[in-house]
Structure formats: structure tokens, C-alpha cells
Amino acid sequence: GLTAFAWSFTALLAVRLCFGAAQGLFPGASVSALSAR
């Protein structure tokens, strides 16, 4: 959602960096959740 409010190239890069960190938590977690089930 915050990507929509980027006002410059630098701001867009900063939001994308944070977005990437948040999504980076997910893949290993999803595999772990499925392996346990």
C-alpha cells in the first residue's frame, strides 16, 4: 500500500527494500508450515 505513495525514485526504492524484507520472511515459513502438516 505504501508503494502507491512514493513521491520520488529514491522513495520508491526505499519502500521496495522494506517490501522485500517483509516478503523474505514468508517462503521459508510457508515451507516449514507445510512440512509440519
Full PDB file with SEQRES, HELIX, SHEET, SSBOND, CRYST1, ORIGX, SCALE, CONECT and MASTER records, all heavy atoms in Angstrom:
SEQRES   1 A   37  GLY LEU THR ALA PHE ALA TRP SER PHE THR ALA LEU LEU          
SEQRES   2 A   37  ALA VAL ARG LEU CYS PHE GLY ALA ALA GLN GLY LEU PHE          
SEQRES   3 A   37  PRO GLY ALA SER VAL SER ALA LEU SER ALA ARG                  
HELIX    1 AA1 LEU A    2  PHE A    5  5                                   4    
HELIX    2 AA2 PHE A    9  GLY A   24  1                                  16    
HELIX    3 AA3 PHE A   26  SER A   35  1                                  10    
CRYST1    1.000    1.000    1.000  90.00  90.00  90.00 P 1           1          
ORIGX1      1.000000  0.000000  0.000000        0.00000                         
ORIGX2      0.000000  1.000000  0.000000        0.00000                         
ORIGX3      0.000000  0.000000  1.000000        0.00000                         
SCALE1      1.000000  0.000000  0.000000        0.00000                         
SCALE2      0.000000  1.000000  0.000000        0.00000                         
SCALE3      0.000000  0.000000  1.000000        0.00000                         
ATOM      1  N   GLY A   1       0.805  -1.210   0.000  1.00  0.00           N  
ATOM      2  CA  GLY A   1       0.000   0.000   0.000  1.00  0.00           C  
ATOM      3  C   GLY A   1       0.842   1.265   0.000  1.00  0.00           C  
ATOM      4  O   GLY A   1       0.530   2.241  -0.692  1.00  0.00           O  
ATOM      5  N   LEU A   2       1.947   1.242   0.737  1.00  0.00           N  
ATOM      6  CA  LEU A   2       2.804   2.422   0.803  1.00  0.00           C  
ATOM      7  C   LEU A   2       3.505   2.707  -0.523  1.00  0.00           C  
ATOM      8  O   LEU A   2       3.899   3.856  -0.776  1.00  0.00           O  
ATOM      9  CB  LEU A   2       3.850   2.247   1.903  1.00  0.00           C  
ATOM     10  CG  LEU A   2       3.322   2.268   3.344  1.00  0.00           C  
ATOM     11  CD1 LEU A   2       4.453   1.997   4.340  1.00  0.00           C  
ATOM     12  CD2 LEU A   2       2.668   3.620   3.644  1.00  0.00           C  
ATOM     13  N   THR A   3       3.657   1.686  -1.377  1.00  0.00           N  
ATOM     14  CA  THR A   3       4.258   1.911  -2.694  1.00  0.00           C  
ATOM     15  C   THR A   3       3.481   2.957  -3.478  1.00  0.00           C  
ATOM     16  O   THR A   3       4.064   3.748  -4.233  1.00  0.00           O  
ATOM     17  CB  THR A   3       4.303   0.589  -3.491  1.00  0.00           C  
ATOM     18  OG1 THR A   3       4.997  -0.399  -2.741  1.00  0.00           O  
ATOM     19  CG2 THR A   3       4.986   0.787  -4.835  1.00  0.00           C  
ATOM     20  N   ALA A   4       2.174   2.974  -3.302  1.00  0.00           N  
ATOM     21  CA  ALA A   4       1.337   3.924  -4.033  1.00  0.00           C  
ATOM     22  C   ALA A   4       1.630   5.372  -3.668  1.00  0.00           C  
ATOM     23  O   ALA A   4       1.282   6.286  -4.424  1.00  0.00           O  
ATOM     24  CB  ALA A   4      -0.138   3.615  -3.768  1.00  0.00           C  
ATOM     25  N   PHE A   5       2.279   5.599  -2.523  1.00  0.00           N  
ATOM     26  CA  PHE A   5       2.530   6.963  -2.065  1.00  0.00           C  
ATOM     27  C   PHE A   5       3.969   7.426  -2.316  1.00  0.00           C  
ATOM     28  O   PHE A   5       4.378   8.479  -1.837  1.00  0.00           O  
ATOM     29  CB  PHE A   5       2.208   7.073  -0.574  1.00  0.00           C  
ATOM     30  CG  PHE A   5       0.765   6.789  -0.262  1.00  0.00           C  
ATOM     31  CD1 PHE A   5       0.367   5.541   0.188  1.00  0.00           C  
ATOM     32  CD2 PHE A   5      -0.216   7.760  -0.451  1.00  0.00           C  
ATOM     33  CE1 PHE A   5      -0.960   5.263   0.464  1.00  0.00           C  
ATOM     34  CE2 PHE A   5      -1.540   7.489  -0.182  1.00  0.00           C  
ATOM     35  CZ  PHE A   5      -1.920   6.244   0.274  1.00  0.00           C  
ATOM     36  N   ALA A   6       4.732   6.629  -3.072  1.00  0.00           N  
ATOM     37  CA  ALA A   6       6.112   7.021  -3.381  1.00  0.00           C  
ATOM     38  C   ALA A   6       6.100   8.319  -4.190  1.00  0.00           C  
ATOM     39  O   ALA A   6       5.375   8.446  -5.166  1.00  0.00           O  
ATOM     40  CB  ALA A   6       6.812   5.914  -4.162  1.00  0.00           C  
ATOM     41  N   TRP A   7       6.921   9.273  -3.780  1.00  0.00           N  
ATOM     42  CA  TRP A   7       6.940  10.585  -4.425  1.00  0.00           C  
ATOM     43  C   TRP A   7       8.199  10.826  -5.263  1.00  0.00           C  
ATOM     44  O   TRP A   7       8.310  11.831  -5.941  1.00  0.00           O  
ATOM     45  CB  TRP A   7       6.824  11.684  -3.378  1.00  0.00           C  
ATOM     46  CG  TRP A   7       7.967  11.688  -2.392  1.00  0.00           C  
ATOM     47  CD1 TRP A   7       9.147  12.374  -2.502  1.00  0.00           C  
ATOM     48  CD2 TRP A   7       8.038  10.956  -1.166  1.00  0.00           C  
ATOM     49  NE1 TRP A   7       9.952  12.123  -1.426  1.00  0.00           N  
ATOM     50  CE2 TRP A   7       9.298  11.258  -0.575  1.00  0.00           C  
ATOM     51  CE3 TRP A   7       7.170  10.092  -0.492  1.00  0.00           C  
ATOM     52  CZ2 TRP A   7       9.699  10.705   0.648  1.00  0.00           C  
ATOM     53  CZ3 TRP A   7       7.578   9.561   0.711  1.00  0.00           C  
ATOM     54  CH2 TRP A   7       8.815   9.860   1.266  1.00  0.00           C  
ATOM     55  N   SER A   8       9.136   9.876  -5.223  1.00  0.00           N  
ATOM     56  CA  SER A   8      10.373  10.034  -5.977  1.00  0.00           C  
ATOM     57  C   SER A   8      10.985   8.655  -6.219  1.00  0.00           C  
ATOM     58  O   SER A   8      10.556   7.651  -5.622  1.00  0.00           O  
ATOM     59  CB  SER A   8      11.369  10.913  -5.223  1.00  0.00           C  
ATOM     60  OG  SER A   8      11.827  10.253  -4.050  1.00  0.00           O  
ATOM     61  N   PHE A   9      11.987   8.601  -7.081  1.00  0.00           N  
ATOM     62  CA  PHE A   9      12.700   7.360  -7.343  1.00  0.00           C  
ATOM     63  C   PHE A   9      13.331   6.825  -6.067  1.00  0.00           C  
ATOM     64  O   PHE A   9      13.266   5.623  -5.772  1.00  0.00           O  
ATOM     65  CB  PHE A   9      13.761   7.611  -8.415  1.00  0.00           C  
ATOM     66  CG  PHE A   9      14.637   6.428  -8.717  1.00  0.00           C  
ATOM     67  CD1 PHE A   9      14.090   5.198  -9.048  1.00  0.00           C  
ATOM     68  CD2 PHE A   9      16.010   6.547  -8.686  1.00  0.00           C  
ATOM     69  CE1 PHE A   9      14.896   4.110  -9.349  1.00  0.00           C  
ATOM     70  CE2 PHE A   9      16.833   5.467  -8.978  1.00  0.00           C  
ATOM     71  CZ  PHE A   9      16.272   4.246  -9.311  1.00  0.00           C  
ATOM     72  N   THR A  10      13.914   7.700  -5.262  1.00  0.00           N  
ATOM     73  CA  THR A  10      14.548   7.286  -4.012  1.00  0.00           C  
ATOM     74  C   THR A  10      13.523   6.717  -3.035  1.00  0.00           C  
ATOM     75  O   THR A  10      13.759   5.676  -2.399  1.00  0.00           O  
ATOM     76  CB  THR A  10      15.284   8.470  -3.361  1.00  0.00           C  
ATOM     77  OG1 THR A  10      16.263   8.963  -4.276  1.00  0.00           O  
ATOM     78  CG2 THR A  10      15.959   8.043  -2.075  1.00  0.00           C  
ATOM     79  N   ALA A  11      12.382   7.385  -2.909  1.00  0.00           N  
ATOM     80  CA  ALA A  11      11.333   6.896  -2.015  1.00  0.00           C  
ATOM     81  C   ALA A  11      10.806   5.544  -2.487  1.00  0.00           C  
ATOM     82  O   ALA A  11      10.551   4.644  -1.672  1.00  0.00           O  
ATOM     83  CB  ALA A  11      10.193   7.903  -1.942  1.00  0.00           C  
ATOM     84  N   LEU A  12      10.666   5.381  -3.795  1.00  0.00           N  
ATOM     85  CA  LEU A  12      10.204   4.119  -4.341  1.00  0.00           C  
ATOM     86  C   LEU A  12      11.189   2.996  -4.016  1.00  0.00           C  
ATOM     87  O   LEU A  12      10.790   1.896  -3.602  1.00  0.00           O  
ATOM     88  CB  LEU A  12      10.025   4.237  -5.853  1.00  0.00           C  
ATOM     89  CG  LEU A  12       9.506   2.999  -6.593  1.00  0.00           C  
ATOM     90  CD1 LEU A  12       8.118   2.621  -6.106  1.00  0.00           C  
ATOM     91  CD2 LEU A  12       9.499   3.254  -8.095  1.00  0.00           C  
ATOM     92  N   LEU A  13      12.483   3.253  -4.161  1.00  0.00           N  
ATOM     93  CA  LEU A  13      13.486   2.255  -3.824  1.00  0.00           C  
ATOM     94  C   LEU A  13      13.420   1.883  -2.345  1.00  0.00           C  
ATOM     95  O   LEU A  13      13.537   0.707  -1.985  1.00  0.00           O  
ATOM     96  CB  LEU A  13      14.884   2.771  -4.167  1.00  0.00           C  
ATOM     97  CG  LEU A  13      15.272   2.822  -5.643  1.00  0.00           C  
ATOM     98  CD1 LEU A  13      16.675   3.406  -5.789  1.00  0.00           C  
ATOM     99  CD2 LEU A  13      15.207   1.441  -6.279  1.00  0.00           C  
ATOM    100  N   ALA A  14      13.238   2.882  -1.474  1.00  0.00           N  
ATOM    101  CA  ALA A  14      13.187   2.619  -0.035  1.00  0.00           C  
ATOM    102  C   ALA A  14      12.003   1.725   0.323  1.00  0.00           C  
ATOM    103  O   ALA A  14      12.136   0.768   1.109  1.00  0.00           O  
ATOM    104  CB  ALA A  14      13.106   3.941   0.731  1.00  0.00           C  
ATOM    105  N   VAL A  15      10.831   2.007  -0.255  1.00  0.00           N  
ATOM    106  CA  VAL A  15       9.651   1.194   0.024  1.00  0.00           C  
ATOM    107  C   VAL A  15       9.837  -0.224  -0.505  1.00  0.00           C  
ATOM    108  O   VAL A  15       9.475  -1.210   0.155  1.00  0.00           O  
ATOM    109  CB  VAL A  15       8.391   1.839  -0.583  1.00  0.00           C  
ATOM    110  CG1 VAL A  15       7.187   0.909  -0.441  1.00  0.00           C  
ATOM    111  CG2 VAL A  15       8.094   3.163   0.088  1.00  0.00           C  
ATOM    112  N   ARG A  16      10.443  -0.340  -1.694  1.00  0.00           N  
ATOM    113  CA  ARG A  16      10.664  -1.669  -2.263  1.00  0.00           C  
ATOM    114  C   ARG A  16      11.650  -2.487  -1.423  1.00  0.00           C  
ATOM    115  O   ARG A  16      11.526  -3.693  -1.311  1.00  0.00           O  
ATOM    116  CB  ARG A  16      11.172  -1.541  -3.700  1.00  0.00           C  
ATOM    117  CG  ARG A  16      10.177  -0.970  -4.681  1.00  0.00           C  
ATOM    118  CD  ARG A  16       8.994  -1.866  -4.919  1.00  0.00           C  
ATOM    119  NE  ARG A  16       9.353  -3.102  -5.596  1.00  0.00           N  
ATOM    120  CZ  ARG A  16       8.500  -4.071  -5.870  1.00  0.00           C  
ATOM    121  NH1 ARG A  16       7.229  -3.965  -5.503  1.00  0.00           N  
ATOM    122  NH2 ARG A  16       8.889  -5.174  -6.498  1.00  0.00           N  
ATOM    123  N   LEU A  17      12.635  -1.831  -0.837  1.00  0.00           N  
ATOM    124  CA  LEU A  17      13.567  -2.532   0.047  1.00  0.00           C  
ATOM    125  C   LEU A  17      12.838  -3.090   1.270  1.00  0.00           C  
ATOM    126  O   LEU A  17      13.055  -4.239   1.671  1.00  0.00           O  
ATOM    127  CB  LEU A  17      14.698  -1.601   0.477  1.00  0.00           C  
ATOM    128  CG  LEU A  17      15.738  -1.264  -0.593  1.00  0.00           C  
ATOM    129  CD1 LEU A  17      16.621  -0.104  -0.115  1.00  0.00           C  
ATOM    130  CD2 LEU A  17      16.611  -2.485  -0.903  1.00  0.00           C  
ATOM    131  N   CYS A  18      11.961  -2.278   1.871  1.00  0.00           N  
ATOM    132  CA  CYS A  18      11.183  -2.736   3.035  1.00  0.00           C  
ATOM    133  C   CYS A  18      10.203  -3.833   2.639  1.00  0.00           C  
ATOM    134  O   CYS A  18      10.014  -4.821   3.374  1.00  0.00           O  
ATOM    135  CB  CYS A  18      10.438  -1.559   3.659  1.00  0.00           C  
ATOM    136  SG  CYS A  18      11.503  -0.292   4.382  1.00  0.00           S  
ATOM    137  N   PHE A  19       9.577  -3.674   1.490  1.00  0.00           N  
ATOM    138  CA  PHE A  19       8.650  -4.683   0.981  1.00  0.00           C  
ATOM    139  C   PHE A  19       9.367  -6.015   0.779  1.00  0.00           C  
ATOM    140  O   PHE A  19       8.859  -7.084   1.152  1.00  0.00           O  
ATOM    141  CB  PHE A  19       8.064  -4.173  -0.337  1.00  0.00           C  
ATOM    142  CG  PHE A  19       7.217  -5.173  -1.075  1.00  0.00           C  
ATOM    143  CD1 PHE A  19       5.968  -5.531  -0.602  1.00  0.00           C  
ATOM    144  CD2 PHE A  19       7.660  -5.732  -2.263  1.00  0.00           C  
ATOM    145  CE1 PHE A  19       5.178  -6.442  -1.295  1.00  0.00           C  
ATOM    146  CE2 PHE A  19       6.887  -6.643  -2.964  1.00  0.00           C  
ATOM    147  CZ  PHE A  19       5.636  -6.994  -2.472  1.00  0.00           C  
ATOM    148  N   GLY A  20      10.571  -5.964   0.227  1.00  0.00           N  
ATOM    149  CA  GLY A  20      11.341  -7.188   0.008  1.00  0.00           C  
ATOM    150  C   GLY A  20      11.699  -7.885   1.306  1.00  0.00           C  
ATOM    151  O   GLY A  20      11.639  -9.121   1.402  1.00  0.00           O  
ATOM    152  N   ALA A  21      12.082  -7.099   2.336  1.00  0.00           N  
ATOM    153  CA  ALA A  21      12.411  -7.689   3.629  1.00  0.00           C  
ATOM    154  C   ALA A  21      11.203  -8.386   4.241  1.00  0.00           C  
ATOM    155  O   ALA A  21      11.314  -9.487   4.809  1.00  0.00           O  
ATOM    156  CB  ALA A  21      12.937  -6.612   4.568  1.00  0.00           C  
ATOM    157  N   ALA A  22      10.028  -7.764   4.130  1.00  0.00           N  
ATOM    158  CA  ALA A  22       8.816  -8.360   4.685  1.00  0.00           C  
ATOM    159  C   ALA A  22       8.463  -9.663   3.963  1.00  0.00           C  
ATOM    160  O   ALA A  22       8.162 -10.679   4.592  1.00  0.00           O  
ATOM    161  CB  ALA A  22       7.657  -7.369   4.591  1.00  0.00           C  
ATOM    162  N   GLN A  23       8.509  -9.639   2.624  1.00  0.00           N  
ATOM    163  CA  GLN A  23       8.187 -10.861   1.892  1.00  0.00           C  
ATOM    164  C   GLN A  23       9.250 -11.939   2.085  1.00  0.00           C  
ATOM    165  O   GLN A  23       8.951 -13.131   1.979  1.00  0.00           O  
ATOM    166  CB  GLN A  23       8.023 -10.559   0.398  1.00  0.00           C  
ATOM    167  CG  GLN A  23       6.679  -9.957   0.037  1.00  0.00           C  
ATOM    168  CD  GLN A  23       6.219 -10.344  -1.354  1.00  0.00           C  
ATOM    169  OE1 GLN A  23       7.007 -10.727  -2.213  1.00  0.00           O  
ATOM    170  NE2 GLN A  23       4.920 -10.239  -1.593  1.00  0.00           N  
ATOM    171  N   GLY A  24      10.482 -11.532   2.372  1.00  0.00           N  
ATOM    172  CA  GLY A  24      11.547 -12.506   2.571  1.00  0.00           C  
ATOM    173  C   GLY A  24      11.332 -13.413   3.768  1.00  0.00           C  
ATOM    174  O   GLY A  24      11.919 -14.506   3.835  1.00  0.00           O  
ATOM    175  N   LEU A  25      10.500 -12.995   4.716  1.00  0.00           N  
ATOM    176  CA  LEU A  25      10.181 -13.845   5.857  1.00  0.00           C  
ATOM    177  C   LEU A  25       9.264 -15.003   5.491  1.00  0.00           C  
ATOM    178  O   LEU A  25       9.182 -15.991   6.228  1.00  0.00           O  
ATOM    179  CB  LEU A  25       9.494 -13.010   6.950  1.00  0.00           C  
ATOM    180  CG  LEU A  25      10.310 -11.908   7.623  1.00  0.00           C  
ATOM    181  CD1 LEU A  25       9.395 -11.053   8.494  1.00  0.00           C  
ATOM    182  CD2 LEU A  25      11.434 -12.510   8.451  1.00  0.00           C  
ATOM    183  N   PHE A  26       8.566 -14.881   4.356  1.00  0.00           N  
ATOM    184  CA  PHE A  26       7.454 -15.794   4.063  1.00  0.00           C  
ATOM    185  C   PHE A  26       7.845 -17.141   3.471  1.00  0.00           C  
ATOM    186  O   PHE A  26       7.299 -18.175   3.896  1.00  0.00           O  
ATOM    187  CB  PHE A  26       6.450 -15.093   3.149  1.00  0.00           C  
ATOM    188  CG  PHE A  26       5.254 -15.939   2.818  1.00  0.00           C  
ATOM    189  CD1 PHE A  26       4.292 -16.213   3.777  1.00  0.00           C  
ATOM    190  CD2 PHE A  26       5.088 -16.473   1.546  1.00  0.00           C  
ATOM    191  CE1 PHE A  26       3.184 -16.999   3.484  1.00  0.00           C  
ATOM    192  CE2 PHE A  26       3.991 -17.263   1.239  1.00  0.00           C  
ATOM    193  CZ  PHE A  26       3.039 -17.521   2.212  1.00  0.00           C  
ATOM    194  N   PRO A  27       8.736 -17.228   2.467  1.00  0.00           N  
ATOM    195  CA  PRO A  27       8.931 -18.519   1.791  1.00  0.00           C  
ATOM    196  C   PRO A  27       9.357 -19.648   2.725  1.00  0.00           C  
ATOM    197  O   PRO A  27       8.763 -20.734   2.709  1.00  0.00           O  
ATOM    198  CB  PRO A  27      10.013 -18.203   0.748  1.00  0.00           C  
ATOM    199  CG  PRO A  27       9.844 -16.757   0.473  1.00  0.00           C  
ATOM    200  CD  PRO A  27       9.485 -16.152   1.784  1.00  0.00           C  
ATOM    201  N   GLY A  28      10.394 -19.430   3.529  1.00  0.00           N  
ATOM    202  CA  GLY A  28      10.825 -20.463   4.458  1.00  0.00           C  
ATOM    203  C   GLY A  28       9.741 -20.808   5.465  1.00  0.00           C  
ATOM    204  O   GLY A  28       9.569 -21.977   5.838  1.00  0.00           O  
ATOM    205  N   ALA A  29       8.984 -19.791   5.891  1.00  0.00           N  
ATOM    206  CA  ALA A  29       7.901 -20.026   6.848  1.00  0.00           C  
ATOM    207  C   ALA A  29       6.803 -20.890   6.228  1.00  0.00           C  
ATOM    208  O   ALA A  29       6.238 -21.779   6.886  1.00  0.00           O  
ATOM    209  CB  ALA A  29       7.322 -18.696   7.323  1.00  0.00           C  
ATOM    210  N   SER A  30       6.480 -20.644   4.961  1.00  0.00           N  
ATOM    211  CA  SER A  30       5.426 -21.432   4.315  1.00  0.00           C  
ATOM    212  C   SER A  30       5.858 -22.887   4.142  1.00  0.00           C  
ATOM    213  O   SER A  30       5.056 -23.803   4.345  1.00  0.00           O  
ATOM    214  CB  SER A  30       5.061 -20.820   2.958  1.00  0.00           C  
ATOM    215  OG  SER A  30       6.102 -20.967   2.017  1.00  0.00           O  
ATOM    216  N   VAL A  31       7.113 -23.109   3.768  1.00  0.00           N  
ATOM    217  CA  VAL A  31       7.613 -24.477   3.634  1.00  0.00           C  
ATOM    218  C   VAL A  31       7.620 -25.178   4.986  1.00  0.00           C  
ATOM    219  O   VAL A  31       7.253 -26.344   5.104  1.00  0.00           O  
ATOM    220  CB  VAL A  31       9.019 -24.472   3.006  1.00  0.00           C  
ATOM    221  CG1 VAL A  31       9.630 -25.875   3.032  1.00  0.00           C  
ATOM    222  CG2 VAL A  31       8.962 -23.960   1.567  1.00  0.00           C  
ATOM    223  N   SER A  32       8.044 -24.458   6.026  1.00  0.00           N  
ATOM    224  CA  SER A  32       8.055 -25.023   7.370  1.00  0.00           C  
ATOM    225  C   SER A  32       6.643 -25.393   7.825  1.00  0.00           C  
ATOM    226  O   SER A  32       6.415 -26.474   8.383  1.00  0.00           O  
ATOM    227  CB  SER A  32       8.675 -24.015   8.341  1.00  0.00           C  
ATOM    228  OG  SER A  32       8.642 -24.502   9.666  1.00  0.00           O  
ATOM    229  N   ALA A  33       5.680 -24.493   7.579  1.00  0.00           N  
ATOM    230  CA  ALA A  33       4.291 -24.758   7.972  1.00  0.00           C  
ATOM    231  C   ALA A  33       3.738 -25.977   7.246  1.00  0.00           C  
ATOM    232  O   ALA A  33       3.061 -26.824   7.847  1.00  0.00           O  
ATOM    233  CB  ALA A  33       3.427 -23.531   7.672  1.00  0.00           C  
ATOM    234  N   LEU A  34       4.026 -26.107   5.953  1.00  0.00           N  
ATOM    235  CA  LEU A  34       3.524 -27.245   5.189  1.00  0.00           C  
ATOM    236  C   LEU A  34       4.239 -28.537   5.573  1.00  0.00           C  
ATOM    237  O   LEU A  34       3.616 -29.599   5.625  1.00  0.00           O  
ATOM    238  CB  LEU A  34       3.672 -26.973   3.694  1.00  0.00           C  
ATOM    239  CG  LEU A  34       3.097 -28.024   2.744  1.00  0.00           C  
ATOM    240  CD1 LEU A  34       1.626 -28.304   3.057  1.00  0.00           C  
ATOM    241  CD2 LEU A  34       3.259 -27.589   1.294  1.00  0.00           C  
ATOM    242  N   SER A  35       5.535 -28.477   5.851  1.00  0.00           N  
ATOM    243  CA  SER A  35       6.273 -29.677   6.243  1.00  0.00           C  
ATOM    244  C   SER A  35       5.736 -30.256   7.542  1.00  0.00           C  
ATOM    245  O   SER A  35       5.706 -31.471   7.726  1.00  0.00           O  
ATOM    246  CB  SER A  35       7.761 -29.356   6.395  1.00  0.00           C  
ATOM    247  OG  SER A  35       8.335 -29.009   5.155  1.00  0.00           O  
ATOM    248  N   ALA A  36       5.310 -29.382   8.453  1.00  0.00           N  
ATOM    249  CA  ALA A  36       4.751 -29.842   9.720  1.00  0.00           C  
ATOM    250  C   ALA A  36       3.348 -30.405   9.559  1.00  0.00           C  
ATOM    251  O   ALA A  36       2.793 -30.980  10.506  1.00  0.00           O  
ATOM    252  CB  ALA A  36       4.731 -28.699  10.727  1.00  0.00           C  
ATOM    253  N   ARG A  37       2.772 -30.239   8.355  1.00  0.00           N  
ATOM    254  CA  ARG A  37       1.400 -30.690   8.126  1.00  0.00           C  
ATOM    255  C   ARG A  37       1.314 -31.635   6.922  1.00  0.00           C  
ATOM    256  O   ARG A  37       0.261 -31.748   6.298  1.00  0.00           O  
ATOM    257  CB  ARG A  37       0.492 -29.463   7.923  1.00  0.00           C  
ATOM    258  CG  ARG A  37       0.341 -28.630   9.195  1.00  0.00           C  
ATOM    259  CD  ARG A  37      -0.200 -27.228   8.922  1.00  0.00           C  
ATOM    260  NE  ARG A  37      -0.404 -26.496  10.170  1.00  0.00           N  
ATOM    261  CZ  ARG A  37       0.577 -25.892  10.854  1.00  0.00           C  
ATOM    262  NH1 ARG A  37       1.820 -25.919  10.401  1.00  0.00           N  
ATOM    263  NH2 ARG A  37       0.308 -25.259  11.987  1.00  0.00           N  
TER     264      ARG A  37                                                      
MASTER        0    0    0    3    0    0    0    6  263    1    0    3          
END                                                                             
